[in-house]
Protein backbone atom coordinates (compact mmCIF):
# COMPACT_ATOMS: atom_id res chain seq x y z
CA MET A 1 -10.87 13.73 -92.54
CA LYS A 2 -13.24 13.18 -89.61
CA GLY A 3 -11.52 10.10 -88.67
CA GLY A 4 -8.14 11.79 -88.80
CA GLY A 5 -9.38 14.77 -86.84
CA GLY A 6 -10.77 12.53 -84.04
CA PHE A 7 -7.43 10.74 -83.77
CA TYR A 8 -5.40 13.92 -83.35
CA GLY A 9 -8.02 15.38 -80.96
CA LEU A 10 -7.81 12.28 -78.70
CA LYS A 11 -3.93 12.57 -78.71
CA MET A 12 -4.02 16.15 -77.60
CA LYS A 13 -6.44 15.31 -74.68
CA GLN A 14 -4.06 12.52 -73.53
CA LEU A 15 -1.06 14.85 -73.72
CA SER A 16 -2.96 17.56 -71.76
CA LEU A 17 -3.95 15.13 -69.00
CA PHE A 18 -0.43 13.81 -68.80
CA PHE A 19 0.93 17.43 -68.49
CA ILE A 20 -1.57 18.22 -65.57
CA VAL A 21 -0.52 15.09 -63.66
CA PHE A 22 3.16 15.89 -64.20
CA VAL A 23 2.76 19.46 -62.81
CA CYS A 24 0.75 18.22 -59.77
CA ALA A 25 3.31 15.57 -58.95
CA SER A 26 6.16 18.15 -59.15
CA ILE A 27 4.33 20.42 -56.71
CA VAL A 28 3.87 17.58 -54.20
CA VAL A 29 7.51 16.45 -54.42
CA TRP A 30 8.68 20.06 -54.04
CA ASN A 31 6.62 20.50 -50.88
CA TRP A 32 7.74 17.13 -49.47
CA GLU A 33 11.33 18.22 -49.71
CA LYS A 34 10.60 21.61 -48.16
CA THR A 35 8.74 20.25 -45.02
CA PRO A 36 9.62 16.63 -44.27
CA HIS A 37 8.34 16.79 -40.65
CA LEU A 38 4.79 17.15 -41.75
CA THR A 39 4.78 13.48 -42.69
CA THR A 40 6.24 12.25 -39.38
CA LEU A 41 5.04 14.52 -36.61
CA HIS A 42 1.78 12.74 -35.99
CA ASP A 43 3.39 9.43 -35.56
CA GLN A 44 5.96 10.83 -33.18
CA GLU A 45 3.13 12.39 -31.10
CA LEU A 46 1.61 8.99 -30.69
CA HIS A 47 4.90 7.67 -29.18
CA PHE A 48 5.70 10.70 -27.07
CA PHE A 49 2.24 11.22 -25.55
CA PRO A 50 0.80 7.67 -25.02
CA ASP A 51 -1.55 8.95 -22.25
CA GLU A 52 -3.47 11.05 -24.78
CA VAL A 53 -4.10 8.07 -27.12
CA GLU A 54 -6.62 5.39 -26.53
CA GLY A 55 -6.03 1.87 -27.62
CA LYS A 56 -2.83 -0.05 -28.07
CA HIS A 57 -0.30 2.72 -27.45
CA ALA A 58 -1.52 3.72 -23.93
CA THR A 59 -2.21 0.13 -22.89
CA ARG A 60 1.24 -1.05 -24.05
CA VAL A 61 2.94 1.63 -21.96
CA GLU A 62 1.03 0.68 -18.79
CA ASP A 63 1.80 -2.96 -19.31
CA GLU A 64 5.50 -2.28 -19.69
CA GLY A 65 5.40 -0.44 -16.33
CA LEU A 66 3.70 -3.41 -14.69
CA ALA A 67 6.20 -5.76 -16.14
CA LEU A 68 8.85 -4.16 -13.98
CA VAL A 69 7.29 -5.65 -10.87
CA PRO A 70 8.95 -8.93 -9.87
CA PRO A 71 6.39 -11.66 -10.16
CA SER A 72 7.08 -12.87 -6.60
CA LEU A 73 6.15 -9.47 -5.16
CA SER A 74 2.68 -9.49 -6.73
CA THR A 75 -0.47 -10.63 -4.97
CA ASN A 76 -2.33 -13.80 -6.10
CA THR A 77 -5.14 -15.01 -4.06
CA ASN A 78 -4.73 -18.50 -5.42
CA SER A 79 -1.22 -18.78 -4.02
CA ASN A 80 0.21 -18.80 -0.47
CA SER A 81 2.23 -15.66 -0.69
CA PHE A 82 2.52 -13.25 2.22
CA ASN A 83 -0.58 -11.25 1.33
CA THR A 84 -2.78 -14.05 0.33
CA PRO A 85 -5.58 -15.57 2.53
CA HIS A 86 -3.37 -18.35 3.74
CA ASP A 87 -1.19 -15.94 5.58
CA GLU A 88 -0.34 -18.42 8.25
CA HIS A 89 1.19 -20.60 5.56
CA PRO A 90 3.23 -18.43 3.07
CA GLN A 91 5.19 -19.75 0.10
CA LYS A 92 8.87 -20.11 0.79
CA LYS A 93 9.68 -18.78 -2.64
CA HIS A 94 8.39 -15.35 -1.64
CA HIS A 95 11.11 -15.02 0.88
CA GLU A 96 14.10 -16.32 -1.24
CA ASN A 97 16.64 -13.57 -1.23
CA THR A 98 14.64 -10.51 -0.55
CA SER A 99 17.69 -8.40 -1.52
CA HIS A 100 17.71 -9.97 -4.97
CA LEU A 101 13.95 -9.53 -5.52
CA VAL A 102 13.61 -5.93 -4.32
CA GLY A 103 17.10 -4.53 -4.65
CA LYS A 104 18.02 -6.13 -8.01
CA SER A 105 14.78 -6.70 -9.93
CA ILE A 106 13.21 -3.36 -8.98
CA SER A 107 16.45 -1.47 -9.60
CA GLU A 108 16.83 -3.10 -13.00
CA GLY A 109 13.29 -2.05 -13.76
CA LYS A 110 14.15 1.47 -12.70
CA GLU A 111 17.16 1.54 -15.06
CA ARG A 112 15.07 0.43 -17.95
CA SER A 113 12.21 2.86 -17.18
CA GLU A 114 14.64 5.77 -16.62
CA THR A 115 16.26 5.10 -20.02
CA VAL A 116 13.00 5.09 -21.73
CA LYS A 117 11.91 8.16 -19.85
CA GLN A 118 15.07 10.10 -20.80
CA GLN A 119 14.63 9.13 -24.41
CA LEU A 120 11.08 10.38 -24.41
CA ILE A 121 11.88 13.62 -22.75
CA ALA A 122 14.84 14.19 -25.12
CA SER A 123 12.67 13.53 -28.11
CA VAL A 124 9.86 15.83 -26.94
CA THR A 125 12.32 18.53 -26.08
CA SER A 126 13.82 18.44 -29.52
CA GLN A 127 10.34 18.92 -30.97
CA THR A 128 9.52 21.88 -28.66
CA THR A 129 12.74 23.95 -28.39
CA GLU A 130 11.09 26.95 -30.04
CA SER A 131 7.76 26.67 -28.12
CA THR A 132 6.61 27.16 -24.56
CA VAL A 133 5.84 24.01 -22.52
CA THR A 134 2.34 24.42 -21.21
CA ASP A 135 0.90 23.16 -17.93
CA ASP A 136 -0.97 20.28 -19.61
CA THR A 137 2.13 18.63 -21.10
CA PRO A 138 3.19 15.22 -19.66
CA MET A 139 6.47 16.59 -18.29
CA THR A 140 4.62 19.18 -16.14
CA LYS A 141 2.27 16.51 -14.83
CA VAL A 142 5.18 14.36 -13.64
CA GLU A 143 6.76 17.31 -11.86
CA THR A 144 3.63 18.19 -9.94
CA GLN A 145 2.75 14.58 -8.99
CA ALA A 146 1.80 13.97 -5.37
CA CYS A 147 4.39 12.40 -3.03
CA ASN A 148 4.63 8.63 -3.04
CA PHE A 149 5.62 7.86 0.56
CA GLY A 150 6.10 4.17 -0.24
CA LYS A 151 8.97 4.82 -2.69
CA GLY A 152 12.38 5.73 -1.23
CA LYS A 153 15.21 4.29 0.81
CA TRP A 154 16.26 3.47 4.39
CA VAL A 155 19.14 5.65 5.58
CA PRO A 156 21.25 5.56 8.82
CA ALA A 157 20.07 8.13 11.38
CA ASP A 158 21.61 9.08 14.74
CA ASN A 159 18.28 10.33 15.96
CA ARG A 160 16.66 6.87 15.86
CA PRO A 161 14.99 5.18 17.60
CA LEU A 162 12.47 7.69 18.81
CA TYR A 163 12.15 5.94 22.22
CA SER A 164 14.07 3.47 24.25
CA GLY A 165 13.41 -0.30 23.89
CA PHE A 166 14.17 -0.61 27.56
CA GLY A 167 11.41 1.83 28.44
CA CYS A 168 7.79 2.48 27.34
CA LYS A 169 6.59 -0.30 29.70
CA GLN A 170 3.40 1.59 30.27
CA TRP A 171 2.33 0.92 26.71
CA LEU A 172 4.60 -1.67 25.07
CA SER A 173 4.03 -5.47 25.38
CA GLY A 174 7.10 -7.20 26.76
CA MET A 175 6.92 -9.83 23.98
CA TRP A 176 7.60 -7.17 21.36
CA ALA A 177 10.33 -5.27 23.28
CA CYS A 178 13.41 -6.97 21.80
CA ARG A 179 15.78 -4.96 23.98
CA LEU A 180 14.48 -7.02 26.92
CA THR A 181 15.34 -10.37 25.09
CA GLN A 182 18.64 -12.11 24.41
CA ARG A 183 19.00 -10.25 21.10
CA THR A 184 22.28 -8.46 20.79
CA ASP A 185 22.10 -6.73 17.29
CA PHE A 186 20.05 -3.55 17.26
CA GLY A 187 21.09 -1.94 13.90
CA TYR A 188 17.45 -2.31 12.93
CA GLU A 189 16.64 0.52 15.30
CA LYS A 190 18.93 3.03 13.56
CA LEU A 191 17.31 3.25 10.10
CA LYS A 192 15.03 6.07 8.99
CA TRP A 193 12.73 5.95 5.99
CA GLN A 194 13.30 8.66 3.36
CA PRO A 195 10.75 9.05 0.62
CA LYS A 196 12.28 9.71 -2.75
CA ASP A 197 10.40 12.76 -4.01
CA CYS A 198 9.27 14.48 -0.90
CA LYS A 199 10.36 15.47 2.56
CA MET A 200 8.57 14.19 5.69
CA ASP A 201 8.20 16.30 8.83
CA ASP A 202 10.26 14.86 11.70
CA PHE A 203 7.96 13.28 14.18
CA THR A 204 7.72 14.56 17.69
CA GLY A 205 5.17 14.00 20.36
CA VAL A 206 4.56 17.70 20.73
CA LYS A 207 3.93 18.13 16.99
CA PHE A 208 1.62 15.14 16.97
CA LEU A 209 -0.49 16.24 19.92
CA LYS A 210 -0.83 19.72 18.56
CA ARG A 211 -1.90 18.46 15.16
CA MET A 212 -4.38 16.13 16.87
CA GLN A 213 -5.72 18.60 19.42
CA ASP A 214 -9.36 17.84 20.34
CA LYS A 215 -9.22 14.82 17.99
CA THR A 216 -9.36 11.00 18.17
CA LEU A 217 -7.20 8.59 16.19
CA ALA A 218 -8.38 5.01 16.02
CA PHE A 219 -6.64 1.86 14.83
CA VAL A 220 -9.03 -0.94 13.93
CA GLY A 221 -7.47 -4.23 12.84
CA ASP A 222 -5.40 -7.25 13.86
CA SER A 223 -2.32 -7.71 16.01
CA LEU A 224 -0.21 -5.72 13.50
CA GLY A 225 -2.60 -2.88 14.10
CA ARG A 226 -2.06 -3.34 17.82
CA GLN A 227 1.65 -3.06 17.21
CA GLN A 228 1.10 0.15 15.28
CA PHE A 229 -0.99 1.45 18.17
CA GLN A 230 1.58 0.62 20.85
CA SER A 231 4.34 2.09 18.66
CA LEU A 232 2.47 5.40 18.46
CA MET A 233 1.87 5.57 22.22
CA CYS A 234 5.61 5.09 22.72
CA MET A 235 6.43 7.59 20.03
CA VAL A 236 4.08 10.31 21.52
CA THR A 237 5.33 9.86 25.07
CA GLY A 238 9.01 9.29 24.08
CA GLY A 239 8.73 6.05 26.00
CA GLU A 240 8.43 7.86 29.27
CA GLU A 241 5.89 7.21 32.01
CA MET A 242 2.97 9.56 31.85
CA PRO A 243 0.67 9.04 34.83
CA ASN A 244 -1.59 11.89 33.73
CA VAL A 245 -2.64 10.07 30.52
CA GLU A 246 -6.20 8.86 31.09
CA ASP A 247 -7.58 5.31 30.34
CA VAL A 248 -10.89 6.08 28.64
CA GLY A 249 -11.53 2.57 27.29
CA LYS A 250 -14.94 2.42 29.03
CA GLU A 251 -16.19 5.32 26.89
CA TYR A 252 -15.75 3.02 23.90
CA GLY A 253 -16.97 -0.21 25.49
CA LEU A 254 -13.47 -1.54 25.75
CA ALA A 255 -13.61 -2.99 29.22
CA LYS A 256 -12.20 -6.48 29.84
CA ALA A 257 -14.92 -9.12 29.70
CA HIS A 258 -15.27 -11.76 32.40
CA GLY A 259 -12.97 -14.66 31.46
CA SER A 260 -11.20 -12.85 28.72
CA ALA A 261 -7.39 -12.54 28.60
CA ARG A 262 -7.55 -8.96 27.46
CA PRO A 263 -10.19 -6.34 26.46
CA ASP A 264 -11.15 -5.93 22.74
CA GLY A 265 -9.02 -2.74 22.76
CA TRP A 266 -7.59 0.22 24.53
CA ALA A 267 -8.15 3.98 24.50
CA TYR A 268 -5.98 6.64 26.10
CA ARG A 269 -6.47 10.36 26.31
CA PHE A 270 -3.84 13.13 26.66
CA PRO A 271 -5.66 15.77 28.74
CA ALA A 272 -3.44 18.66 27.85
CA THR A 273 -4.60 18.61 24.21
CA ASN A 274 -7.70 16.39 24.57
CA THR A 275 -6.11 13.93 22.12
CA THR A 276 -7.39 10.37 22.24
CA ILE A 277 -5.54 7.31 20.67
CA LEU A 278 -7.40 3.95 20.58
CA TYR A 279 -7.10 0.50 19.26
CA TYR A 280 -9.97 -1.98 18.57
CA TRP A 281 -9.34 -5.57 17.74
CA SER A 282 -11.11 -6.62 14.48
CA ALA A 283 -8.83 -9.11 12.69
CA SER A 284 -11.23 -9.47 9.73
CA LEU A 285 -12.69 -5.96 9.47
CA CYS A 286 -16.24 -7.34 9.40
CA ASP A 287 -19.05 -7.72 11.90
CA ILE A 288 -18.93 -10.91 14.00
CA GLU A 289 -21.74 -11.98 16.15
CA PRO A 290 -22.83 -15.33 17.74
CA VAL A 291 -25.24 -17.42 15.77
CA ASP A 292 -26.77 -18.57 19.08
CA PRO A 293 -26.20 -15.97 21.70
CA THR A 294 -27.36 -18.44 24.45
CA GLY A 295 -25.17 -21.28 23.46
CA GLU A 296 -21.77 -21.86 25.03
CA THR A 297 -20.29 -23.51 21.92
CA THR A 298 -22.04 -21.52 19.27
CA ASP A 299 -20.59 -20.68 15.87
CA TYR A 300 -20.09 -17.03 14.99
CA ALA A 301 -21.59 -15.33 11.94
CA MET A 302 -18.88 -13.54 10.03
CA HIS A 303 -20.85 -10.89 8.13
CA LEU A 304 -18.58 -10.14 5.23
CA ASP A 305 -20.77 -7.28 3.99
CA ARG A 306 -21.08 -5.47 7.30
CA PRO A 307 -18.41 -3.29 8.92
CA PRO A 308 -17.41 -4.03 12.55
CA ALA A 309 -20.21 -2.96 14.90
CA PHE A 310 -17.67 -0.83 16.76
CA LEU A 311 -17.29 1.39 13.75
CA LYS A 312 -21.05 1.88 13.35
CA HIS A 313 -21.34 2.86 16.94
CA PHE A 314 -18.29 5.20 17.31
CA LEU A 315 -17.43 6.50 13.85
CA ASP A 316 -18.85 9.95 14.74
CA ARG A 317 -16.31 10.21 17.53
CA ILE A 318 -13.31 9.39 15.34
CA ASP A 319 -11.25 11.99 13.36
CA VAL A 320 -8.52 9.81 11.91
CA LEU A 321 -9.19 6.07 11.25
CA VAL A 322 -6.64 3.46 10.24
CA LEU A 323 -7.91 0.08 9.12
CA ASN A 324 -5.95 -3.12 8.47
CA THR A 325 -6.54 -6.84 7.99
CA GLY A 326 -4.80 -9.78 6.33
CA HIS A 327 -3.12 -12.37 8.52
CA HIS A 328 -6.32 -14.01 9.91
CA TRP A 329 -7.67 -14.91 6.50
CA ASN A 330 -6.99 -18.62 6.45
CA ARG A 331 -9.02 -21.77 7.12
CA GLY A 332 -7.13 -22.59 10.30
CA LYS A 333 -8.11 -19.21 11.90
CA LEU A 334 -11.70 -19.42 10.71
CA ASN A 335 -12.16 -23.00 11.98
CA ALA A 336 -10.47 -22.27 15.31
CA ASN A 337 -12.73 -19.26 15.95
CA ARG A 338 -15.76 -21.06 14.61
CA TRP A 339 -16.39 -18.21 12.11
CA VAL A 340 -18.97 -19.01 9.50
CA MET A 341 -19.15 -16.67 6.41
CA HIS A 342 -22.46 -14.82 6.05
CA VAL A 343 -23.58 -12.41 3.33
CA GLY A 344 -26.94 -10.65 3.29
CA GLY A 345 -27.67 -11.95 6.82
CA LYS A 346 -27.48 -15.57 5.70
CA PRO A 347 -24.79 -18.25 5.34
CA ASN A 348 -22.86 -17.54 2.17
CA THR A 349 -23.69 -19.79 -0.80
CA ASN A 350 -21.60 -17.85 -3.43
CA ARG A 351 -18.70 -20.15 -4.35
CA ARG A 352 -16.49 -17.29 -5.47
CA ILE A 353 -16.82 -15.70 -1.95
CA ALA A 354 -16.52 -19.05 -0.17
CA ASP A 355 -12.90 -19.17 -1.34
CA ILE A 356 -10.70 -17.46 1.28
CA GLY A 357 -9.16 -15.21 -1.25
CA GLY A 358 -12.52 -14.06 -2.59
CA ALA A 359 -13.89 -13.57 0.92
CA LYS A 360 -10.98 -11.41 1.97
CA ASN A 361 -11.17 -9.31 -1.17
CA PHE A 362 -14.97 -9.00 -0.90
CA THR A 363 -14.71 -7.90 2.79
CA ILE A 364 -11.98 -5.29 2.25
CA HIS A 365 -13.88 -3.71 -0.66
CA SER A 366 -17.08 -3.86 1.39
CA VAL A 367 -15.77 -2.03 4.46
CA VAL A 368 -13.98 0.55 2.30
CA ARG A 369 -17.16 1.23 0.31
CA TRP A 370 -19.18 1.65 3.53
CA VAL A 371 -16.73 3.97 5.25
CA ASN A 372 -16.45 5.98 1.99
CA SER A 373 -20.21 6.33 1.91
CA GLU A 374 -20.07 7.68 5.46
CA LEU A 375 -17.57 10.45 4.74
CA PRO A 376 -20.05 13.08 3.61
CA LYS A 377 -21.74 12.76 7.06
CA HIS A 378 -18.33 13.32 8.74
CA PRO A 379 -16.51 16.12 6.80
CA GLY A 380 -13.42 16.20 9.11
CA LEU A 381 -12.85 12.45 9.05
CA LYS A 382 -9.76 11.05 7.45
CA VAL A 383 -9.60 7.26 6.70
CA PHE A 384 -6.65 5.17 5.76
CA LEU A 385 -6.43 1.52 4.68
CA ARG A 386 -3.05 0.26 5.69
CA SER A 387 -1.55 -2.10 3.26
CA ILE A 388 -0.49 -5.66 4.46
CA SER A 389 2.60 -6.08 6.73
CA PRO A 390 4.83 -8.83 5.04
CA ARG A 391 6.07 -11.95 6.69
CA HIS A 392 9.59 -13.31 6.30
CA PHE A 393 9.71 -17.09 7.00
CA PHE A 394 12.75 -18.75 5.44
CA ASN A 395 13.32 -22.47 4.95
CA GLY A 396 9.87 -23.43 6.19
CA GLU A 397 6.59 -22.07 7.59
CA TRP A 398 5.79 -20.71 11.07
CA ASN A 399 5.09 -24.22 12.33
CA THR A 400 7.65 -26.22 10.23
CA GLY A 401 10.93 -24.62 11.27
CA GLY A 402 10.66 -21.35 9.35
CA THR A 403 13.26 -18.77 10.43
CA CYS A 404 14.15 -15.14 10.09
CA ASP A 405 17.65 -14.89 11.55
CA SER A 406 18.98 -12.14 9.25
CA THR A 407 20.67 -9.15 10.97
CA THR A 408 20.77 -6.97 7.90
CA PRO A 409 18.04 -5.63 5.59
CA GLY A 410 17.26 -7.36 2.37
CA SER A 411 17.74 -4.02 0.53
CA LEU A 412 17.74 -0.38 1.50
CA GLU A 413 15.83 1.03 -1.42
CA VAL A 414 12.33 0.58 -2.92
CA VAL A 415 11.93 2.15 -6.36
CA GLN A 416 8.65 0.57 -7.38
CA ASP A 417 5.91 3.21 -8.10
CA GLU A 418 2.88 1.14 -7.43
CA SER A 419 1.88 -0.68 -4.23
CA ILE A 420 3.00 -4.23 -3.72
CA ASP A 421 -0.42 -4.86 -2.11
CA PRO A 422 -2.84 -4.49 -5.08
CA ILE A 423 -5.81 -5.74 -3.06
CA ALA A 424 -5.62 -2.81 -0.73
CA ALA A 425 -4.69 -0.39 -3.52
CA GLY A 426 -7.61 -1.57 -5.66
CA ALA A 427 -10.04 -1.26 -2.80
CA VAL A 428 -9.35 2.38 -2.17
CA LYS A 429 -9.14 3.33 -5.91
CA GLY A 430 -11.89 5.81 -6.80
CA THR A 431 -12.70 6.54 -3.16
CA ASP A 432 -11.74 9.17 -0.62
CA VAL A 433 -10.13 6.48 1.57
CA LYS A 434 -6.35 6.84 1.50
CA LEU A 435 -3.84 4.02 1.17
CA LEU A 436 -1.20 3.88 3.94
CA ASP A 437 1.24 1.96 1.87
CA ILE A 438 3.85 0.25 4.08
CA THR A 439 4.20 -3.11 2.29
CA GLY A 440 7.30 -2.29 0.05
CA LEU A 441 9.35 -0.52 2.67
CA SER A 442 8.61 -3.28 5.22
CA LEU A 443 9.33 -6.08 2.76
CA VAL A 444 13.08 -5.15 2.58
CA ARG A 445 13.40 -5.17 6.44
CA GLU A 446 13.48 -8.93 7.08
CA GLU A 447 15.93 -8.37 10.00
CA GLY A 448 13.35 -6.41 12.03
CA HIS A 449 11.12 -9.23 13.24
CA ILE A 450 10.96 -10.81 16.74
CA SER A 451 12.65 -13.94 15.26
CA ARG A 452 13.69 -16.48 17.83
CA TYR A 453 14.09 -14.07 20.80
CA SER A 454 11.87 -13.94 23.77
CA ILE A 455 11.92 -12.81 27.33
CA ARG A 456 11.86 -16.37 28.59
CA ALA A 457 14.69 -17.50 26.30
CA ALA A 458 12.89 -20.69 25.59
CA PRO A 459 13.39 -22.46 22.21
CA GLY A 460 10.40 -22.70 19.95
CA MET A 461 8.82 -21.35 16.82
CA GLN A 462 10.11 -18.11 15.49
CA ASP A 463 7.96 -15.06 15.12
CA CYS A 464 8.60 -13.75 11.55
CA LEU A 465 5.32 -11.88 11.43
CA HIS A 466 5.45 -9.32 14.28
CA TRP A 467 8.10 -6.64 14.58
CA CYS A 468 10.64 -5.59 17.25
CA LEU A 469 9.68 -2.30 18.90
CA PRO A 470 11.25 0.25 18.52
CA GLY A 471 11.34 -0.78 14.89
CA VAL A 472 9.65 -0.78 11.46
CA PRO A 473 6.04 0.01 12.70
CA ASP A 474 7.41 3.35 14.01
CA THR A 475 7.94 4.31 10.34
CA TRP A 476 4.29 3.37 9.53
CA ASN A 477 3.32 5.97 12.08
CA GLU A 478 5.70 8.57 10.61
CA LEU A 479 4.08 8.08 7.26
CA LEU A 480 0.61 8.40 8.95
CA PHE A 481 1.71 11.57 10.69
CA ALA A 482 2.95 13.09 7.43
CA GLN A 483 -0.53 12.56 5.90
CA ILE A 484 -2.73 13.93 8.69
């Protein structure tokens, strides 16, 4: 009997356990059918809000965005593209069909990104139709994003140019005044840049001088910086003669040295508003001094970790500073100028910096860090690093028959969100120095260069680096005006 009772007792325990499991499973299934979204919501949130998730999801979205950038528009210091150290010898492939690269590749990227964006917004909206969208949702962040002046399109404008190419002789170098050459097409003068997501104030000389009353604006950089300086002088004056404008170059040590073709810069003051506009030539944005001050054929120390001495001396007198460099970073220029790289006050021995690309990158980051460290001492100072101005040599280089004979833009629209000059963009990241991003909008304007035209009408090498004025650099100044 004991044995029999144990057997039936065991059976009853098993049946009871089975019954409990059956009841629990029924409850789970019933709840599953009642609320199916509970099992999928978390996974959907990972896809709809990638920025809130660390790891693969967020990284993958960023990489997809970068993949929309055509490879030929990216910067690689190991290649000879337009914004590499070998700027005097760019790769031909960079200039092959600018319209295709910027107009087609970027537009295709836009279509793909817009499709994904619409899908995400539609999905999120379907999840939140009965709830209120708060200020910290991704959609609201997109709507309140700051203006990207480098993204937009060129549109025809009857009120362009802002000054006559036949005038402005008080400020404009004849070699850049294409109206005075044999050129007969001037459609490049009639285009205006229109940012996609914001409206720019129309530039006038009166507005500029009022905004810059009792202030000084300084351009420090290479010959493209000088073009921007001359462009601004023409824009402010409307290209008209202004004998009351004062030459104050001596206040900034900008007198022409004995034996020099030109001074190291120019400075002019508009007395009515006490506004000063100046340019200082510093092609490399670093301090350069003779190794042997007494020697006639001395080398020059190129201190990559020091800002130009001009900036150290006069930064306290500057209210808006625009820096640029790029097209002198090649071995030919360094050797011709007898520039020898120095770091820490001694000839450089770091192999990574000895490479032209590494030296350029190191110097740009160095000067940006220095000026950023000075900003707390100068609360009103605004500093911009202008991105590189692209070159457009087709079918050769500047000294091997390269040309830029186009009379039409490569494209009229730039839809890329990020700067095409990642060196400049990377240098200002995390600082209070602003990026004046002109590379993308200038890249599509291959027809705006000096090309084969000159005042003397003599055959020779084409200038596919500098721009006709009036022209593209005027837009750089409109973007600058909008941000000061």
